[in-house]
Protein backbone atom coordinates (compact mmCIF):
# COMPACT_ATOMS: atom_id res chain seq x y z
CA MET A 1 100.79 117.41 75.53
CA SER A 2 103.71 119.31 76.54
CA SER A 3 106.86 117.03 77.53
CA PRO A 4 108.59 117.10 80.92
CA SER A 5 110.74 120.01 80.87
CA LEU A 6 114.16 120.64 81.34
CA ARG A 7 115.92 123.01 83.89
CA GLY A 8 119.61 122.90 84.90
CA GLY A 9 120.20 119.65 82.20
CA ARG A 10 117.67 117.63 84.83
CA LEU A 11 114.54 116.29 84.07
CA LEU A 12 111.64 117.43 85.88
CA LEU A 13 108.99 115.09 86.14
CA GLY A 14 105.38 116.04 88.07
CA ARG A 15 103.92 113.60 90.90
CA LEU A 16 100.33 113.26 90.57
CA LEU A 17 97.70 112.05 92.95
CA LEU A 18 94.19 110.52 91.75
CA VAL A 19 91.81 109.67 94.49
CA HIS A 20 88.69 107.43 92.88
CA ALA A 21 86.05 105.65 95.03
CA HIS A 22 85.79 101.92 93.68
CA PRO A 23 88.07 99.78 91.31
CA ASP A 24 87.03 100.80 87.58
CA ASP A 25 86.66 104.02 88.46
CA GLU A 26 90.01 104.96 87.91
CA THR A 27 90.20 103.40 84.38
CA LEU A 28 86.65 104.52 82.96
CA ALA A 29 87.39 108.32 83.95
CA THR A 30 90.91 108.78 84.17
CA GLY A 31 92.38 105.94 82.46
CA ALA A 32 94.09 107.58 79.39
CA THR A 33 95.49 110.40 81.78
CA LEU A 34 97.24 107.55 83.92
CA ALA A 35 98.62 106.01 80.89
CA ARG A 36 100.02 108.87 79.55
CA TYR A 37 101.75 110.20 82.83
CA ALA A 38 102.79 106.63 83.53
CA ALA A 39 104.55 106.49 80.39
CA LEU A 40 106.14 109.69 80.50
CA GLY A 41 108.02 108.83 83.77
CA ALA A 42 105.82 110.98 86.08
CA GLY A 43 105.05 110.26 89.51
CA VAL A 44 101.73 108.82 89.48
CA THR A 45 99.67 107.46 93.02
CA LEU A 46 96.48 106.01 92.38
CA VAL A 47 94.14 105.53 95.90
CA THR A 48 91.35 103.49 95.65
CA CYS A 49 88.77 104.06 98.56
CA THR A 50 86.87 101.05 98.53
CA LEU A 51 86.65 97.91 96.64
CA GLY A 52 83.45 98.21 95.36
CA GLN A 53 81.96 95.06 97.29
CA GLU A 54 78.08 96.33 96.47
CA GLY A 55 78.88 96.67 92.76
CA GLU A 56 76.45 94.39 90.41
CA VAL A 57 78.52 91.94 88.16
CA ILE A 58 77.72 92.20 84.80
CA PRO A 59 78.85 88.13 83.79
CA PRO A 60 76.82 86.05 85.01
CA ALA A 61 79.56 82.98 86.19
CA LEU A 62 80.63 85.76 88.23
CA ARG A 63 76.85 86.78 90.21
CA HIS A 64 78.20 84.40 93.04
CA LEU A 65 80.59 87.06 94.11
CA GLU A 66 78.39 89.56 94.94
CA SER A 67 77.01 90.69 98.21
CA GLY A 68 74.10 88.94 98.15
CA HIS A 69 75.79 85.81 97.71
CA ASP A 70 79.26 85.02 98.80
CA ASP A 71 80.05 88.45 99.03
CA ALA A 72 83.85 88.00 97.45
CA LEU A 73 83.87 90.49 95.16
CA GLY A 74 85.88 92.75 97.15
CA PRO A 75 88.73 90.24 96.92
CA HIS A 76 88.14 89.92 93.45
CA ARG A 77 87.89 93.38 92.20
CA ALA A 78 91.05 94.24 94.25
CA GLY A 79 93.00 91.55 91.54
CA GLU A 80 90.97 93.10 88.44
CA LEU A 81 92.49 96.49 89.76
CA ALA A 82 95.93 95.11 89.46
CA ASP A 83 95.61 93.55 86.40
CA ALA A 84 93.96 97.53 85.26
CA MET A 85 96.84 99.23 87.11
CA ALA A 86 99.36 96.63 85.22
CA ALA A 87 97.75 97.42 81.65
CA LEU A 88 98.10 101.49 82.38
CA GLY A 89 101.73 101.29 83.80
CA VAL A 90 100.72 102.50 87.66
CA ARG A 91 102.87 100.89 89.80
CA ASP A 92 102.29 102.59 93.07
CA HIS A 93 98.10 102.02 93.55
CA ARG A 94 97.18 101.73 97.35
CA LEU A 95 93.74 101.07 99.15
CA LEU A 96 92.92 104.31 101.75
CA ALA A 97 93.37 103.45 104.91
CA GLY A 98 94.29 99.17 104.33
CA GLY A 99 90.73 98.72 103.42
CA ARG A 100 89.08 99.97 106.49
CA TRP A 101 86.00 101.10 104.52
CA ARG A 102 83.16 99.42 102.32
CA ASP A 103 81.47 100.51 99.28
CA SER A 104 78.54 101.92 100.22
CA GLY A 105 76.29 100.51 97.14
CA MET A 106 74.01 102.39 94.95
CA ALA A 107 70.88 102.85 93.02
CA TRP A 108 70.61 103.52 89.55
CA LEU A 109 67.95 106.28 89.51
CA ALA A 110 68.38 107.74 85.66
CA PRO A 111 70.70 106.44 82.93
CA GLY A 112 74.47 107.66 83.87
CA ILE A 113 72.70 108.91 86.98
CA ALA A 114 73.10 107.17 90.85
CA GLY A 115 72.04 107.74 93.82
CA ALA A 116 71.65 105.77 97.05
CA GLY A 117 70.95 102.40 97.14
CA ALA A 118 67.87 100.73 98.79
CA LEU A 119 69.22 98.75 101.67
CA GLU A 120 70.29 100.57 104.65
CA ALA A 121 74.46 100.55 104.61
CA HIS A 122 76.72 98.61 106.03
CA PRO A 123 78.27 99.83 109.17
CA ASP A 124 81.39 99.77 107.57
CA ALA A 125 80.07 101.97 104.73
CA PHE A 126 82.50 104.44 103.40
CA VAL A 127 79.53 106.82 103.44
CA ARG A 128 79.39 106.12 107.29
CA ALA A 129 83.19 107.28 107.91
CA ASP A 130 83.92 110.01 109.57
CA LEU A 131 85.25 112.55 107.53
CA ASP A 132 88.56 113.99 109.41
CA GLU A 133 89.34 110.08 110.13
CA ALA A 134 89.15 109.08 106.52
CA ALA A 135 90.83 112.68 104.82
CA GLY A 136 93.30 112.30 108.12
CA ALA A 137 94.32 108.61 106.48
CA LEU A 138 94.86 110.25 103.14
CA ALA A 139 96.37 113.27 104.31
CA GLU A 140 99.33 111.21 105.36
CA VAL A 141 99.79 110.03 101.35
CA VAL A 142 99.52 113.57 100.23
CA ARG A 143 102.32 113.98 103.06
CA GLU A 144 104.25 111.27 101.63
CA VAL A 145 103.89 111.84 97.92
CA ARG A 146 103.79 115.62 97.79
CA PRO A 147 101.65 115.83 94.79
CA HIS A 148 102.17 118.52 92.71
CA VAL A 149 98.77 117.84 91.17
CA VAL A 150 95.40 116.27 92.88
CA VAL A 151 92.45 114.75 90.99
CA THR A 152 89.08 113.56 92.12
CA TYR A 153 85.68 114.11 91.75
CA ASP A 154 83.46 117.23 91.37
CA PRO A 155 81.19 117.68 94.41
CA GLN A 156 77.96 115.72 93.27
CA GLY A 157 80.79 112.55 92.55
CA GLY A 158 80.80 113.18 89.05
CA TYR A 159 77.00 111.09 88.45
CA GLY A 160 75.87 110.98 91.92
CA HIS A 161 77.41 107.45 93.41
CA PRO A 162 77.53 107.92 97.34
CA ASP A 163 80.96 106.84 97.23
CA HIS A 164 82.05 109.14 94.64
CA VAL A 165 80.56 112.40 96.58
CA GLN A 166 82.33 111.37 99.60
CA ALA A 167 85.78 110.50 97.99
CA HIS A 168 85.65 114.27 97.23
CA ARG A 169 84.85 115.24 100.23
CA VAL A 170 87.63 113.20 101.63
CA ALA A 171 89.97 114.46 99.61
CA THR A 172 89.25 118.14 99.46
CA ARG A 173 89.35 117.93 103.36
CA ALA A 174 92.66 115.50 102.82
CA VAL A 175 94.28 118.48 100.81
CA GLU A 176 93.65 120.87 103.95
CA LEU A 177 95.06 118.47 106.12
CA ALA A 178 97.95 117.88 104.63
CA ALA A 179 99.23 121.46 104.23
CA GLN A 180 98.89 122.25 107.64
CA VAL A 181 101.91 122.35 110.48
CA GLY A 182 104.52 122.15 107.50
CA GLY A 183 103.21 120.04 105.35
CA TRP A 184 102.39 119.99 101.67
CA THR A 185 100.35 122.25 99.87
CA ALA A 186 98.80 120.20 96.40
CA PRO A 187 99.93 123.24 94.05
CA ARG A 188 96.61 122.36 91.87
CA VAL A 189 93.55 120.49 92.96
CA CYS A 190 91.46 119.47 89.50
CA TRP A 191 87.90 117.72 89.13
CA VAL A 192 87.06 115.25 86.35
CA GLN A 193 84.61 116.43 83.91
CA VAL A 194 83.59 116.20 80.36
CA ALA A 195 82.66 118.78 78.08
CA ARG A 196 79.31 119.22 77.05
CA SER A 197 80.13 119.29 72.99
CA TRP A 198 81.76 115.61 74.11
CA ALA A 199 79.26 114.35 75.69
CA GLU A 200 76.67 115.70 72.73
CA ARG A 201 78.52 113.81 70.26
CA GLU A 202 78.85 110.74 72.11
CA ARG A 203 74.87 110.57 72.78
CA ALA A 204 74.73 111.06 68.92
CA CYS A 205 76.84 108.20 67.74
CA VAL A 206 75.38 106.03 69.88
CA LEU A 207 71.49 107.08 68.71
CA ARG A 208 72.79 106.80 65.13
CA ALA A 209 74.07 103.65 65.93
CA ALA A 210 71.23 101.89 67.65
CA ALA A 211 69.07 103.05 64.76
CA ASP A 212 70.74 101.87 61.85
CA GLY A 213 71.55 98.39 63.74
CA THR A 214 75.04 99.07 64.67
CA LEU A 215 75.22 99.14 68.56
CA PRO A 216 75.89 95.40 69.76
CA PRO A 217 73.25 93.68 72.42
CA PRO A 218 72.70 93.91 75.20
CA LEU A 219 74.12 97.47 75.00
CA SER A 220 71.09 100.05 74.45
CA ALA A 221 71.04 103.59 73.30
CA PRO A 222 69.32 106.27 75.83
CA GLU A 223 66.88 108.52 74.84
CA ALA A 224 67.24 111.44 73.34
CA GLU A 225 66.22 114.15 75.84
CA ASP A 226 67.22 112.10 78.73
CA GLY A 227 69.79 114.75 80.76
CA PHE A 228 73.27 114.20 81.77
CA PRO A 229 75.28 113.50 84.76
CA PRO A 230 76.92 116.10 86.84
CA ALA A 231 79.95 115.50 85.15
CA VAL A 232 79.33 117.32 81.72
CA VAL A 233 79.44 120.82 81.81
CA ALA A 234 79.75 123.78 79.55
CA ASP A 235 82.99 123.39 77.25
CA ASP A 236 84.30 126.63 78.56
CA GLU A 237 84.75 125.10 82.71
CA ILE A 238 87.06 122.65 80.98
CA GLY A 239 90.73 123.96 81.85
CA CYS A 240 92.63 121.15 80.59
CA VAL A 241 92.52 118.60 78.19
CA VAL A 242 94.71 115.68 78.59
CA ASP A 243 95.11 113.63 75.30
CA GLY A 244 96.24 109.86 75.85
CA SER A 245 95.27 108.74 72.16
CA ALA A 246 98.17 106.81 71.73
CA TYR A 247 97.51 104.52 74.71
CA GLN A 248 94.49 103.56 73.44
CA ASP A 249 95.46 100.26 73.36
CA ARG A 250 96.43 100.37 77.30
CA LEU A 251 92.67 101.85 78.37
CA VAL A 252 91.40 98.84 76.06
CA ARG A 253 93.51 96.51 77.83
CA ALA A 254 92.49 97.98 81.39
CA LEU A 255 88.68 98.20 80.93
CA ARG A 256 88.72 94.44 79.87
CA ALA A 257 90.09 93.74 83.29
CA HIS A 258 87.58 95.13 85.05
CA GLU A 259 85.01 92.12 83.34
CA THR A 260 83.08 92.24 86.55
CA GLN A 261 82.09 95.76 86.13
CA VAL A 262 82.67 96.82 82.35
CA ARG A 263 80.97 95.23 79.19
CA LEU A 264 83.57 96.22 76.93
CA LEU A 265 82.97 95.44 72.98
CA PRO A 266 84.94 98.06 71.14
CA PRO A 267 84.77 100.90 70.14
CA TRP A 268 81.49 100.63 72.89
CA TYR A 269 81.49 99.73 76.81
CA GLY A 270 78.41 99.80 78.90
CA LEU A 271 78.16 99.34 83.04
CA SER A 272 75.46 97.44 84.80
CA ASN A 273 73.02 99.42 83.52
CA ASP A 274 73.76 98.43 79.84
CA VAL A 275 73.50 102.38 78.65
CA ALA A 276 76.37 102.49 75.47
CA HIS A 277 79.38 104.57 75.77
CA LEU A 278 82.39 105.16 73.28
CA VAL A 279 85.86 104.57 74.46
CA SER A 280 87.39 107.76 75.03
CA ALA A 281 91.02 108.59 75.68
CA VAL A 282 90.61 112.28 75.65
CA GLU A 283 89.95 113.66 79.09
CA GLY A 284 88.96 116.46 80.60
CA PHE A 285 89.70 118.39 83.74
CA ARG A 286 88.05 121.28 85.47
CA LEU A 287 90.38 123.53 88.20
CA ALA A 288 88.58 123.48 91.78
CA SER A 289 91.69 125.37 93.64
CA GLY A 290 95.21 126.11 93.75
CA GLU A 291 97.20 127.72 90.46
CA PRO A 292 95.39 128.38 87.35
CA TRP A 293 96.86 126.73 84.15
CA PRO A 294 98.64 129.55 82.10
CA SER A 295 96.28 131.51 79.79
CA GLY A 296 96.20 131.36 76.92
CA GLY A 297 93.37 128.59 76.04
CA THR A 298 92.75 125.06 77.33
CA ALA A 299 95.93 123.44 78.82
CA ASP A 300 97.09 120.24 77.34
CA ASP A 301 98.98 118.89 80.46
CA LEU A 302 97.80 119.03 84.08
CA PHE A 303 101.15 120.46 85.49
CA ALA A 304 101.52 122.95 82.74
CA GLY A 305 102.88 126.48 84.70
CA LEU A 306 103.57 124.87 88.03
CA ASP A 307 106.84 124.60 89.44
CA LEU A 308 108.32 121.30 89.36
CA THR A 309 111.43 121.74 91.52
CA ASP A 310 110.41 120.67 94.37
């Protein structure tokens, strides 16, 4: 990755804004990126849209927190998020509109692919949010932070979770609103993506570990013929690869902080469906709008080619 640049003897550091749906999403999808840029001294701001109140809790001792019992999962996950951000070195993390909206819930439709839950969404569910109200709250953050790069999900929300889809819509609209009436135009907007070759290599590793008995229970392998979620795209659609391998220890600590949502058995982890994944500190991004990365191959820096003087 390219280092921060100097101009007139002054160190130029970019400002990065990431928009995620629930606590743990930021670490699972962009944890290495957060750690890398925080360590470089860039301005890193995380906005989390809900507290994940409808999440499925993995540890049996904590399942009383779920919405069908004590309904105390949101505050608990706020604590997990704070611990994860401390591990990654991110100081500026915010809840959209102070927690105005609630997790909408989901159901697993296939390995790694989610959809709407079976029950009717809560009246305050994020999927019910008025788009301009939610985007207006986020646009205030954009105008304040003035990010050079905004990161969120693709239109399918990465893997289909309704709140991820809504986060994409809200972030996209917020960038538009923030640019109006002399506001701030984000020079580059990116989606989190996974190169197909990475997903195929991971799938092969999981299947091999399952076959030779080294995959730790209760983690399991998907079927070899299972499809990949929408976040997996052709390699040539990845415009930037951020290698945060030097910060893998921080990523692991952040994953461990999200104990209600992530079963961590390094080098493996699983979510509530217990499908195994490899912990990876290499993360991919696709240009959604704004200034393209310089030509000549895949960029290694989200800020590459941008004017960081403003």
